Amino acid sequence: MYVEGQDWFRAGAGFGRTANSRIPDFNDYTYATSFGNRFAFISEPRNPPLTINYNVYIDYTTQKKDPEVTALGLGRQQSSVLCLGDSIADGAHTIESYYRGNDSQSWCGLLRSALAPGMSVRNESVPGGSLRSIASDLQAYSALPGDTVILAFGMNDHVFEPENGVAGFESELETVVSAFLARKSNVILVGFFQQNELWELEERAKTVSYNQAIRSVAQSKKVPFIDILAAFESIRVGMDPQFAHVTGDFMHHPNVYGQRIYYSLLIPYFIQSSRSSSTIPHYVLGPWTN
C-alpha cells in the first residue's frame, strides 16, 4: 500500500511520485535490443523483464456520471460458461496468477466471480495454446459442458502461424464454432490486442488480418465478436503503445486492468437487464461503455 505524502501526491487531475517514493519508476526499466530497437524474447534470464511490479492500481471515487451498461443477451438460456483460450484467458502475469497460481483476475475468473452462484464458469484455457490445439482434439473439447462457449485465440496463432496461415486459421475457427453451435451452445468470439511491436516476431499486419478473420467468422456464424484490438487502441496514453501500463510482461499479457477491459466487454452478454456500471463488479469505464 502506498501512502499519500510519503509515496505520492495529488497533482491537478492526476498523481505524482514523491522524491523518496517506494513506487517503482518505469524510467528505470531497461531491456536488451538485438535488431535496432527491437528485442528477441529470452525466457532465462528474461528479456524483456516483467513489468508486473511496475503496475500501480489506484482506488478512487468520482463525481462523473455513472453510465448505463446495456444488456446484450444471447439466444439461448445460460447456466454454465466454458472459456477456451491461451495464457491471456488463463490470467498470466496478473497478480493472482503470478503470485498465487490462480486465474481469479483473468477475464474468465472475473466472469466466474460476477456470475456465481447462479452460473458456473469453467476455464479450460492453456498457456501457449492455439486454436490448432482445440481443432485437433475437437471431439473432446466439444464434449465439455458449457451453455455458452467463449473462444479467445489469435495471439499465439498469428506469431506461430498454422498451416495455410490466416486462411487456415479462419477455416479451423469456422469448424470449431460450427461444432459448438451444433450442440446448441451460445458462442462468443474474442479478438486480441496489438502486442509489443518491438518484438522481432511481431507483424502489425498479421494482428489486423487475424482479428479480421475472427470477425468474419463471427459475422458468418451470427455470433458476437469482442473487438479487443479496437478497445485497447482506444485507451492509448499519448504515444505509449500500452505495453507499459496495460500489460504485466511488456509484451502481450494483460495486467489486472487489461483483463478487466476484456471482462467489461463480455459482461453485457451475461447480465439480465441494463444497469448502472457501478453496480457491476469489476467493471471499468471506457469508450466501450454505452
C-alpha atoms as a PDB file:
ATOM      1  CA  MET A   1       0.000   0.000   0.000  1.00  0.00           C
ATOM      2  CA  TYR A   2       1.373   3.408  -0.959  1.00  0.00           C
ATOM      3  CA  VAL A   3       0.793   6.382   1.327  1.00  0.00           C
ATOM      4  CA  GLU A   4      -0.194   9.873   0.258  1.00  0.00           C
ATOM      5  CA  GLY A   5       2.587  12.326   1.097  1.00  0.00           C
ATOM      6  CA  GLN A   6       5.133   9.562   1.561  1.00  0.00           C
ATOM      7  CA  ASP A   7       4.905   7.852  -1.820  1.00  0.00           C
ATOM      8  CA  TRP A   8       2.629  10.037  -3.914  1.00  0.00           C
ATOM      9  CA  PHE A   9       0.829  13.365  -4.069  1.00  0.00           C
ATOM     10  CA  ARG A  10      -2.116  14.761  -5.929  1.00  0.00           C
ATOM     11  CA  ALA A  11      -1.126  16.943  -8.857  1.00  0.00           C
ATOM     12  CA  GLY A  12      -4.034  18.671 -10.579  1.00  0.00           C
ATOM     13  CA  ALA A  13      -6.196  15.954 -12.110  1.00  0.00           C
ATOM     14  CA  GLY A  14      -3.537  13.291 -11.620  1.00  0.00           C
ATOM     15  CA  PHE A  15      -0.904  11.937  -9.270  1.00  0.00           C
ATOM     16  CA  GLY A  16       2.855  12.292  -8.887  1.00  0.00           C
ATOM     17  CA  ARG A  17       5.657  10.357  -7.197  1.00  0.00           C
ATOM     18  CA  THR A  18       7.417  11.941  -4.233  1.00  0.00           C
ATOM     19  CA  ALA A  19      11.210  12.233  -4.203  1.00  0.00           C
ATOM     20  CA  ASN A  20      11.601   9.182  -1.961  1.00  0.00           C
ATOM     21  CA  SER A  21       8.630   7.248  -3.289  1.00  0.00           C
ATOM     22  CA  ARG A  22       8.534   3.476  -2.939  1.00  0.00           C
ATOM     23  CA  ILE A  23       6.540   3.293  -6.159  1.00  0.00           C
ATOM     24  CA  PRO A  24       8.786   1.775  -8.872  1.00  0.00           C
ATOM     25  CA  ASP A  25       9.874   4.269 -11.517  1.00  0.00           C
ATOM     26  CA  PHE A  26       9.313   2.926 -15.018  1.00  0.00           C
ATOM     27  CA  ASN A  27      12.058   5.264 -16.245  1.00  0.00           C
ATOM     28  CA  ASP A  28      14.447   2.742 -14.669  1.00  0.00           C
ATOM     29  CA  TYR A  29      13.093  -0.113 -16.801  1.00  0.00           C
ATOM     30  CA  THR A  30      15.519  -1.462 -19.418  1.00  0.00           C
ATOM     31  CA  TYR A  31      15.652  -4.352 -21.881  1.00  0.00           C
ATOM     32  CA  ALA A  32      18.246  -5.652 -24.333  1.00  0.00           C
ATOM     33  CA  THR A  33      17.820  -4.975 -28.048  1.00  0.00           C
ATOM     34  CA  SER A  34      19.106  -7.101 -30.896  1.00  0.00           C
ATOM     35  CA  PHE A  35      17.673  -5.568 -34.053  1.00  0.00           C
ATOM     36  CA  GLY A  36      17.847  -1.796 -33.878  1.00  0.00           C
ATOM     37  CA  ASN A  37      15.357  -1.006 -31.127  1.00  0.00           C
ATOM     38  CA  ARG A  38      13.649  -4.427 -31.387  1.00  0.00           C
ATOM     39  CA  PHE A  39      14.232  -7.282 -28.983  1.00  0.00           C
ATOM     40  CA  ALA A  40      14.479 -11.047 -29.141  1.00  0.00           C
ATOM     41  CA  PHE A  41      12.460 -12.740 -26.409  1.00  0.00           C
ATOM     42  CA  ILE A  42      14.567 -14.778 -23.952  1.00  0.00           C
ATOM     43  CA  SER A  43      12.974 -16.713 -21.105  1.00  0.00           C
ATOM     44  CA  GLU A  44      16.031 -17.009 -18.831  1.00  0.00           C
ATOM     45  CA  PRO A  45      17.278 -14.510 -17.894  1.00  0.00           C
ATOM     46  CA  ARG A  46      14.062 -12.951 -19.061  1.00  0.00           C
ATOM     47  CA  ASN A  47      14.234 -10.288 -21.739  1.00  0.00           C
ATOM     48  CA  PRO A  48      12.298  -8.057 -21.761  1.00  0.00           C
ATOM     49  CA  PRO A  49      11.897  -8.111 -17.950  1.00  0.00           C
ATOM     50  CA  LEU A  50       8.408  -8.407 -16.496  1.00  0.00           C
ATOM     51  CA  THR A  51       6.575  -5.161 -15.799  1.00  0.00           C
ATOM     52  CA  ILE A  52       4.129  -6.622 -13.261  1.00  0.00           C
ATOM     53  CA  ASN A  53       5.920  -4.913 -10.350  1.00  0.00           C
ATOM     54  CA  TYR A  54       5.774  -1.529 -12.086  1.00  0.00           C
ATOM     55  CA  ASN A  55       1.974  -1.632 -12.216  1.00  0.00           C
ATOM     56  CA  VAL A  56       0.263   0.566  -9.627  1.00  0.00           C
ATOM     57  CA  TYR A  57      -3.512   0.473  -9.085  1.00  0.00           C
ATOM     58  CA  ILE A  58      -5.429   3.421  -7.644  1.00  0.00           C
ATOM     59  CA  ASP A  59      -8.729   3.180  -5.779  1.00  0.00           C
ATOM     60  CA  TYR A  60     -10.705   6.380  -6.114  1.00  0.00           C
ATOM     61  CA  THR A  61     -14.172   7.877  -6.108  1.00  0.00           C
ATOM     62  CA  THR A  62     -15.514  10.173  -8.786  1.00  0.00           C
ATOM     63  CA  GLN A  63     -18.430  12.505  -9.389  1.00  0.00           C
ATOM     64  CA  LYS A  64     -18.524  11.525 -13.046  1.00  0.00           C
ATOM     65  CA  LYS A  65     -21.935  10.392 -14.248  1.00  0.00           C
ATOM     66  CA  ASP A  66     -22.496   6.675 -13.834  1.00  0.00           C
ATOM     67  CA  PRO A  67     -23.384   5.415 -17.333  1.00  0.00           C
ATOM     68  CA  GLU A  68     -25.693   2.512 -18.020  1.00  0.00           C
ATOM     69  CA  VAL A  69     -24.469  -0.771 -19.453  1.00  0.00           C
ATOM     70  CA  THR A  70     -26.906  -2.257 -21.945  1.00  0.00           C
ATOM     71  CA  ALA A  71     -27.714  -5.942 -21.555  1.00  0.00           C
ATOM     72  CA  LEU A  72     -26.996  -7.625 -24.887  1.00  0.00           C
ATOM     73  CA  GLY A  73     -28.185 -11.127 -24.128  1.00  0.00           C
ATOM     74  CA  LEU A  74     -27.646 -14.343 -26.067  1.00  0.00           C
ATOM     75  CA  GLY A  75     -30.052 -16.512 -27.972  1.00  0.00           C
ATOM     76  CA  ARG A  76     -30.181 -19.472 -25.618  1.00  0.00           C
ATOM     77  CA  GLN A  77     -30.572 -19.856 -21.876  1.00  0.00           C
ATOM     78  CA  GLN A  78     -27.329 -19.876 -19.895  1.00  0.00           C
ATOM     79  CA  SER A  79     -26.416 -21.743 -16.742  1.00  0.00           C
ATOM     80  CA  SER A  80     -22.762 -22.534 -17.454  1.00  0.00           C
ATOM     81  CA  VAL A  81     -19.850 -20.953 -19.326  1.00  0.00           C
ATOM     82  CA  LEU A  82     -16.804 -22.613 -20.892  1.00  0.00           C
ATOM     83  CA  CYS A  83     -13.708 -20.458 -21.508  1.00  0.00           C
ATOM     84  CA  LEU A  84     -11.248 -21.715 -24.114  1.00  0.00           C
ATOM     85  CA  GLY A  85      -8.143 -19.688 -24.846  1.00  0.00           C
ATOM     86  CA  ASP A  86      -4.439 -19.222 -24.271  1.00  0.00           C
ATOM     87  CA  SER A  87      -2.324 -17.692 -21.489  1.00  0.00           C
ATOM     88  CA  ILE A  88      -4.290 -14.446 -21.661  1.00  0.00           C
ATOM     89  CA  ALA A  89      -7.526 -16.251 -20.803  1.00  0.00           C
ATOM     90  CA  ASP A  90      -5.605 -18.136 -18.118  1.00  0.00           C
ATOM     91  CA  GLY A  91      -4.612 -14.812 -16.499  1.00  0.00           C
ATOM     92  CA  ALA A  92      -0.837 -14.952 -17.000  1.00  0.00           C
ATOM     93  CA  HIS A  93       1.033 -12.131 -15.217  1.00  0.00           C
ATOM     94  CA  THR A  94      -1.910 -10.874 -13.255  1.00  0.00           C
ATOM     95  CA  ILE A  95      -1.106 -10.549  -9.559  1.00  0.00           C
ATOM     96  CA  GLU A  96      -3.201 -13.550  -8.518  1.00  0.00           C
ATOM     97  CA  SER A  97      -1.779 -15.778 -11.237  1.00  0.00           C
ATOM     98  CA  TYR A  98       1.864 -14.798 -10.817  1.00  0.00           C
ATOM     99  CA  TYR A  99       1.991 -14.816  -7.018  1.00  0.00           C
ATOM    100  CA  ARG A 100      -0.800 -17.215  -6.050  1.00  0.00           C
ATOM    101  CA  GLY A 101      -1.283 -19.522  -9.026  1.00  0.00           C
ATOM    102  CA  ASN A 102      -4.963 -18.919  -9.735  1.00  0.00           C
ATOM    103  CA  ASP A 103      -6.992 -17.418 -12.580  1.00  0.00           C
ATOM    104  CA  SER A 104      -9.293 -15.195 -10.491  1.00  0.00           C
ATOM    105  CA  GLN A 105      -8.098 -11.968 -12.154  1.00  0.00           C
ATOM    106  CA  SER A 106      -8.356 -13.319 -15.695  1.00  0.00           C
ATOM    107  CA  TRP A 107     -11.405 -12.222 -17.662  1.00  0.00           C
ATOM    108  CA  CYS A 108     -12.765 -15.750 -17.219  1.00  0.00           C
ATOM    109  CA  GLY A 109     -12.163 -15.650 -13.452  1.00  0.00           C
ATOM    110  CA  LEU A 110     -13.824 -12.247 -13.227  1.00  0.00           C
ATOM    111  CA  LEU A 111     -16.884 -13.647 -15.008  1.00  0.00           C
ATOM    112  CA  ARG A 112     -16.906 -16.515 -12.519  1.00  0.00           C
ATOM    113  CA  SER A 113     -16.927 -14.223  -9.504  1.00  0.00           C
ATOM    114  CA  ALA A 114     -19.552 -11.903 -11.008  1.00  0.00           C
ATOM    115  CA  LEU A 115     -21.927 -14.656 -12.143  1.00  0.00           C
ATOM    116  CA  ALA A 116     -21.652 -17.028  -9.172  1.00  0.00           C
ATOM    117  CA  PRO A 117     -23.511 -18.733  -7.622  1.00  0.00           C
ATOM    118  CA  GLY A 118     -26.187 -18.806 -10.305  1.00  0.00           C
ATOM    119  CA  MET A 119     -23.870 -19.740 -13.145  1.00  0.00           C
ATOM    120  CA  SER A 120     -20.777 -21.944 -13.269  1.00  0.00           C
ATOM    121  CA  VAL A 121     -17.763 -20.735 -15.246  1.00  0.00           C
ATOM    122  CA  ARG A 122     -15.103 -23.256 -16.247  1.00  0.00           C
ATOM    123  CA  ASN A 123     -11.689 -22.173 -17.544  1.00  0.00           C
ATOM    124  CA  GLU A 124     -10.007 -24.747 -19.786  1.00  0.00           C
ATOM    125  CA  SER A 125      -7.517 -22.284 -21.265  1.00  0.00           C
ATOM    126  CA  VAL A 126      -3.927 -23.444 -21.736  1.00  0.00           C
ATOM    127  CA  PRO A 127      -0.835 -21.199 -21.606  1.00  0.00           C
ATOM    128  CA  GLY A 128       0.855 -21.330 -25.010  1.00  0.00           C
ATOM    129  CA  GLY A 129      -2.327 -22.703 -26.538  1.00  0.00           C
ATOM    130  CA  SER A 130      -3.553 -22.002 -30.030  1.00  0.00           C
ATOM    131  CA  LEU A 131      -6.717 -22.694 -31.973  1.00  0.00           C
ATOM    132  CA  ARG A 132      -4.985 -25.726 -33.506  1.00  0.00           C
ATOM    133  CA  SER A 133      -4.942 -27.425 -30.094  1.00  0.00           C
ATOM    134  CA  ILE A 134      -8.744 -27.167 -29.951  1.00  0.00           C
ATOM    135  CA  ALA A 135      -9.329 -28.096 -33.594  1.00  0.00           C
ATOM    136  CA  SER A 136      -7.060 -31.151 -33.385  1.00  0.00           C
ATOM    137  CA  ASP A 137      -8.996 -32.528 -30.386  1.00  0.00           C
ATOM    138  CA  LEU A 138     -12.398 -31.089 -31.175  1.00  0.00           C
ATOM    139  CA  GLN A 139     -14.370 -34.163 -30.147  1.00  0.00           C
ATOM    140  CA  ALA A 140     -13.004 -33.988 -26.591  1.00  0.00           C
ATOM    141  CA  TYR A 141     -13.408 -30.212 -26.279  1.00  0.00           C
ATOM    142  CA  SER A 142     -16.911 -30.202 -27.722  1.00  0.00           C
ATOM    143  CA  ALA A 143     -17.886 -32.715 -25.022  1.00  0.00           C
ATOM    144  CA  LEU A 144     -17.007 -30.244 -22.247  1.00  0.00           C
ATOM    145  CA  PRO A 145     -20.073 -28.698 -20.589  1.00  0.00           C
ATOM    146  CA  GLY A 146     -20.988 -25.098 -21.275  1.00  0.00           C
ATOM    147  CA  ASP A 147     -24.222 -23.443 -22.409  1.00  0.00           C
ATOM    148  CA  THR A 148     -22.028 -20.569 -23.598  1.00  0.00           C
ATOM    149  CA  VAL A 149     -18.561 -21.121 -25.056  1.00  0.00           C
ATOM    150  CA  ILE A 150     -16.083 -18.237 -25.262  1.00  0.00           C
ATOM    151  CA  LEU A 151     -13.266 -18.775 -27.758  1.00  0.00           C
ATOM    152  CA  ALA A 152     -10.278 -16.445 -27.367  1.00  0.00           C
ATOM    153  CA  PHE A 153      -7.397 -17.272 -29.683  1.00  0.00           C
ATOM    154  CA  GLY A 154      -5.153 -15.465 -32.119  1.00  0.00           C
ATOM    155  CA  MET A 155      -2.286 -14.028 -30.084  1.00  0.00           C
ATOM    156  CA  ASN A 156      -0.128 -17.157 -30.443  1.00  0.00           C
ATOM    157  CA  ASP A 157      -1.635 -18.187 -33.769  1.00  0.00           C
ATOM    158  CA  HIS A 158      -0.631 -15.038 -35.626  1.00  0.00           C
ATOM    159  CA  VAL A 159       3.008 -15.295 -34.469  1.00  0.00           C
ATOM    160  CA  PHE A 160       3.489 -19.053 -34.909  1.00  0.00           C
ATOM    161  CA  GLU A 161       1.218 -19.405 -37.900  1.00  0.00           C
ATOM    162  CA  PRO A 162      -0.787 -22.552 -38.642  1.00  0.00           C
ATOM    163  CA  GLU A 163      -0.566 -24.322 -41.965  1.00  0.00           C
ATOM    164  CA  ASN A 164      -2.034 -22.084 -44.699  1.00  0.00           C
ATOM    165  CA  GLY A 165      -1.629 -19.003 -42.493  1.00  0.00           C
ATOM    166  CA  VAL A 166      -4.616 -16.808 -41.736  1.00  0.00           C
ATOM    167  CA  ALA A 167      -6.813 -18.695 -44.215  1.00  0.00           C
ATOM    168  CA  GLY A 168      -6.118 -21.945 -42.354  1.00  0.00           C
ATOM    169  CA  PHE A 169      -6.829 -20.225 -39.016  1.00  0.00           C
ATOM    170  CA  GLU A 170     -10.152 -18.873 -40.289  1.00  0.00           C
ATOM    171  CA  SER A 171     -11.166 -22.275 -41.658  1.00  0.00           C
ATOM    172  CA  GLU A 172     -10.357 -24.034 -38.378  1.00  0.00           C
ATOM    173  CA  LEU A 173     -12.192 -21.381 -36.364  1.00  0.00           C
ATOM    174  CA  GLU A 174     -15.280 -21.835 -38.504  1.00  0.00           C
ATOM    175  CA  THR A 175     -15.128 -25.595 -37.910  1.00  0.00           C
ATOM    176  CA  VAL A 176     -14.759 -25.175 -34.142  1.00  0.00           C
ATOM    177  CA  VAL A 177     -17.593 -22.632 -33.918  1.00  0.00           C
ATOM    178  CA  SER A 178     -19.848 -24.867 -36.010  1.00  0.00           C
ATOM    179  CA  ALA A 179     -19.222 -27.781 -33.649  1.00  0.00           C
ATOM    180  CA  PHE A 180     -20.296 -25.808 -30.590  1.00  0.00           C
ATOM    181  CA  LEU A 181     -23.306 -24.308 -32.361  1.00  0.00           C
ATOM    182  CA  ALA A 182     -24.357 -27.791 -33.469  1.00  0.00           C
ATOM    183  CA  ARG A 183     -24.657 -28.866 -29.855  1.00  0.00           C
ATOM    184  CA  LYS A 184     -26.873 -25.791 -29.199  1.00  0.00           C
ATOM    185  CA  SER A 185     -24.351 -23.716 -27.256  1.00  0.00           C
ATOM    186  CA  ASN A 186     -24.052 -19.945 -27.471  1.00  0.00           C
ATOM    187  CA  VAL A 187     -20.654 -18.921 -28.854  1.00  0.00           C
ATOM    188  CA  ILE A 188     -18.723 -15.676 -28.317  1.00  0.00           C
ATOM    189  CA  LEU A 189     -15.524 -14.952 -30.247  1.00  0.00           C
ATOM    190  CA  VAL A 190     -12.849 -12.756 -28.669  1.00  0.00           C
ATOM    191  CA  GLY A 191     -10.162 -10.956 -30.661  1.00  0.00           C
ATOM    192  CA  PHE A 192      -6.718  -9.973 -29.409  1.00  0.00           C
ATOM    193  CA  PHE A 193      -4.850  -6.712 -28.976  1.00  0.00           C
ATOM    194  CA  GLN A 194      -1.700  -5.429 -30.623  1.00  0.00           C
ATOM    195  CA  GLN A 195       1.190  -6.980 -28.743  1.00  0.00           C
ATOM    196  CA  ASN A 196       4.503  -5.170 -28.464  1.00  0.00           C
ATOM    197  CA  GLU A 197       5.690  -4.376 -31.976  1.00  0.00           C
ATOM    198  CA  LEU A 198       9.253  -4.144 -30.684  1.00  0.00           C
ATOM    199  CA  TRP A 199       9.354  -7.958 -30.502  1.00  0.00           C
ATOM    200  CA  GLU A 200      11.211  -9.197 -33.557  1.00  0.00           C
ATOM    201  CA  LEU A 201       8.494 -11.753 -34.390  1.00  0.00           C
ATOM    202  CA  GLU A 202       5.558  -9.348 -34.290  1.00  0.00           C
ATOM    203  CA  GLU A 203       3.989  -8.049 -37.501  1.00  0.00           C
ATOM    204  CA  ARG A 204       1.208  -5.487 -37.219  1.00  0.00           C
ATOM    205  CA  ALA A 205      -0.365  -6.612 -40.493  1.00  0.00           C
ATOM    206  CA  LYS A 206      -0.872 -10.119 -39.110  1.00  0.00           C
ATOM    207  CA  THR A 207      -2.527  -8.789 -35.967  1.00  0.00           C
ATOM    208  CA  VAL A 208      -5.017  -6.934 -38.151  1.00  0.00           C
ATOM    209  CA  SER A 209      -5.626  -9.829 -40.564  1.00  0.00           C
ATOM    210  CA  TYR A 210      -6.179 -12.451 -37.840  1.00  0.00           C
ATOM    211  CA  ASN A 211      -8.590 -10.178 -35.992  1.00  0.00           C
ATOM    212  CA  GLN A 212     -10.435  -9.649 -39.257  1.00  0.00           C
ATOM    213  CA  ALA A 213     -10.612 -13.408 -39.724  1.00  0.00           C
ATOM    214  CA  ILE A 214     -12.198 -13.777 -36.270  1.00  0.00           C
ATOM    215  CA  ARG A 215     -14.662 -11.012 -37.092  1.00  0.00           C
ATOM    216  CA  SER A 216     -15.528 -12.653 -40.419  1.00  0.00           C
ATOM    217  CA  VAL A 217     -16.304 -15.988 -38.784  1.00  0.00           C
ATOM    218  CA  ALA A 218     -18.429 -14.230 -36.157  1.00  0.00           C
ATOM    219  CA  GLN A 219     -20.404 -12.485 -38.879  1.00  0.00           C
ATOM    220  CA  SER A 220     -20.878 -15.604 -40.974  1.00  0.00           C
ATOM    221  CA  LYS A 221     -21.971 -17.657 -37.964  1.00  0.00           C
ATOM    222  CA  LYS A 222     -24.007 -14.803 -36.470  1.00  0.00           C
ATOM    223  CA  VAL A 223     -22.247 -14.867 -33.096  1.00  0.00           C
ATOM    224  CA  PRO A 224     -20.849 -11.923 -31.082  1.00  0.00           C
ATOM    225  CA  PHE A 225     -17.325 -10.661 -31.761  1.00  0.00           C
ATOM    226  CA  ILE A 226     -15.456  -8.880 -28.948  1.00  0.00           C
ATOM    227  CA  ASP A 227     -13.174  -6.330 -30.633  1.00  0.00           C
ATOM    228  CA  ILE A 228     -10.300  -6.262 -28.154  1.00  0.00           C
ATOM    229  CA  LEU A 229      -7.951  -4.659 -30.675  1.00  0.00           C
ATOM    230  CA  ALA A 230     -10.174  -1.589 -31.016  1.00  0.00           C
ATOM    231  CA  ALA A 231     -10.745  -1.388 -27.255  1.00  0.00           C
ATOM    232  CA  PHE A 232      -7.042  -1.377 -26.409  1.00  0.00           C
ATOM    233  CA  GLU A 233      -6.253   1.086 -29.184  1.00  0.00           C
ATOM    234  CA  SER A 234      -8.859   3.434 -27.699  1.00  0.00           C
ATOM    235  CA  ILE A 235      -7.045   3.729 -24.366  1.00  0.00           C
ATOM    236  CA  ARG A 236      -3.536   4.550 -25.570  1.00  0.00           C
ATOM    237  CA  VAL A 237      -1.832   7.198 -23.436  1.00  0.00           C
ATOM    238  CA  GLY A 238      -0.144   9.626 -25.804  1.00  0.00           C
ATOM    239  CA  MET A 239       2.340   7.648 -27.855  1.00  0.00           C
ATOM    240  CA  ASP A 240       2.585   4.821 -25.318  1.00  0.00           C
ATOM    241  CA  PRO A 241       1.582   1.605 -27.138  1.00  0.00           C
ATOM    242  CA  GLN A 242       0.055   0.331 -23.850  1.00  0.00           C
ATOM    243  CA  PHE A 243       2.709  -2.291 -23.201  1.00  0.00           C
ATOM    244  CA  ALA A 244       3.847  -0.459 -20.071  1.00  0.00           C
ATOM    245  CA  HIS A 245       0.512   0.381 -18.466  1.00  0.00           C
ATOM    246  CA  VAL A 246      -1.839  -2.405 -19.614  1.00  0.00           C
ATOM    247  CA  THR A 247       0.438  -5.458 -19.594  1.00  0.00           C
ATOM    248  CA  GLY A 248       2.367  -7.279 -16.908  1.00  0.00           C
ATOM    249  CA  ASP A 249       5.124  -8.552 -19.193  1.00  0.00           C
ATOM    250  CA  PHE A 250       5.845  -5.664 -21.627  1.00  0.00           C
ATOM    251  CA  MET A 251       4.649  -7.926 -24.402  1.00  0.00           C
ATOM    252  CA  HIS A 252       1.223  -9.477 -24.541  1.00  0.00           C
ATOM    253  CA  HIS A 253      -0.178 -10.484 -21.154  1.00  0.00           C
ATOM    254  CA  PRO A 254      -2.807  -8.023 -19.883  1.00  0.00           C
ATOM    255  CA  ASN A 255      -2.364  -6.900 -16.302  1.00  0.00           C
ATOM    256  CA  VAL A 256      -5.287  -6.664 -13.871  1.00  0.00           C
ATOM    257  CA  TYR A 257      -6.652  -3.564 -15.592  1.00  0.00           C
ATOM    258  CA  GLY A 258      -6.215  -5.044 -19.056  1.00  0.00           C
ATOM    259  CA  GLN A 259      -8.092  -8.192 -18.046  1.00  0.00           C
ATOM    260  CA  ARG A 260     -10.937  -6.057 -16.724  1.00  0.00           C
ATOM    261  CA  ILE A 261     -11.279  -4.456 -20.163  1.00  0.00           C
ATOM    262  CA  TYR A 262     -11.861  -7.916 -21.661  1.00  0.00           C
ATOM    263  CA  TYR A 263     -14.356  -8.644 -18.891  1.00  0.00           C
ATOM    264  CA  SER A 264     -16.158  -5.314 -19.324  1.00  0.00           C
ATOM    265  CA  LEU A 265     -16.750  -6.091 -22.995  1.00  0.00           C
ATOM    266  CA  LEU A 266     -18.013  -9.595 -22.188  1.00  0.00           C
ATOM    267  CA  ILE A 267     -20.264  -8.982 -19.185  1.00  0.00           C
ATOM    268  CA  PRO A 268     -23.101  -7.262 -21.135  1.00  0.00           C
ATOM    269  CA  TYR A 269     -23.863 -10.662 -22.682  1.00  0.00           C
ATOM    270  CA  PHE A 270     -24.480 -12.141 -19.232  1.00  0.00           C
ATOM    271  CA  ILE A 271     -26.443  -9.513 -17.303  1.00  0.00           C
ATOM    272  CA  GLN A 272     -30.194  -9.991 -17.300  1.00  0.00           C
ATOM    273  CA  SER A 273     -31.123  -6.329 -17.773  1.00  0.00           C
ATOM    274  CA  SER A 274     -29.440  -2.993 -18.384  1.00  0.00           C
ATOM    275  CA  ARG A 275     -27.935  -1.490 -15.245  1.00  0.00           C
ATOM    276  CA  SER A 276     -25.603   1.190 -13.942  1.00  0.00           C
ATOM    277  CA  SER A 277     -21.936   0.390 -14.497  1.00  0.00           C
ATOM    278  CA  SER A 278     -21.114   0.941 -10.814  1.00  0.00           C
ATOM    279  CA  THR A 279     -23.410  -1.954  -9.864  1.00  0.00           C
ATOM    280  CA  ILE A 280     -21.439  -4.425 -11.997  1.00  0.00           C
ATOM    281  CA  PRO A 281     -18.480  -5.885 -10.068  1.00  0.00           C
ATOM    282  CA  HIS A 282     -15.048  -5.328 -11.689  1.00  0.00           C
ATOM    283  CA  TYR A 283     -16.481  -3.172 -14.494  1.00  0.00           C
ATOM    284  CA  VAL A 284     -14.224  -0.441 -15.889  1.00  0.00           C
ATOM    285  CA  LEU A 285     -15.439   2.552 -17.866  1.00  0.00           C
ATOM    286  CA  GLY A 286     -14.149   3.249 -21.337  1.00  0.00           C
ATOM    287  CA  PRO A 287     -15.256   4.039 -24.889  1.00  0.00           C
ATOM    288  CA  TRP A 288     -16.926   0.618 -24.924  1.00  0.00           C
ATOM    289  CA  THR A 289     -19.461   1.735 -22.250  1.00  0.00           C
ATOM    290  CA  ASN A 290     -22.859   2.654 -23.662  1.00  0.00           C
END
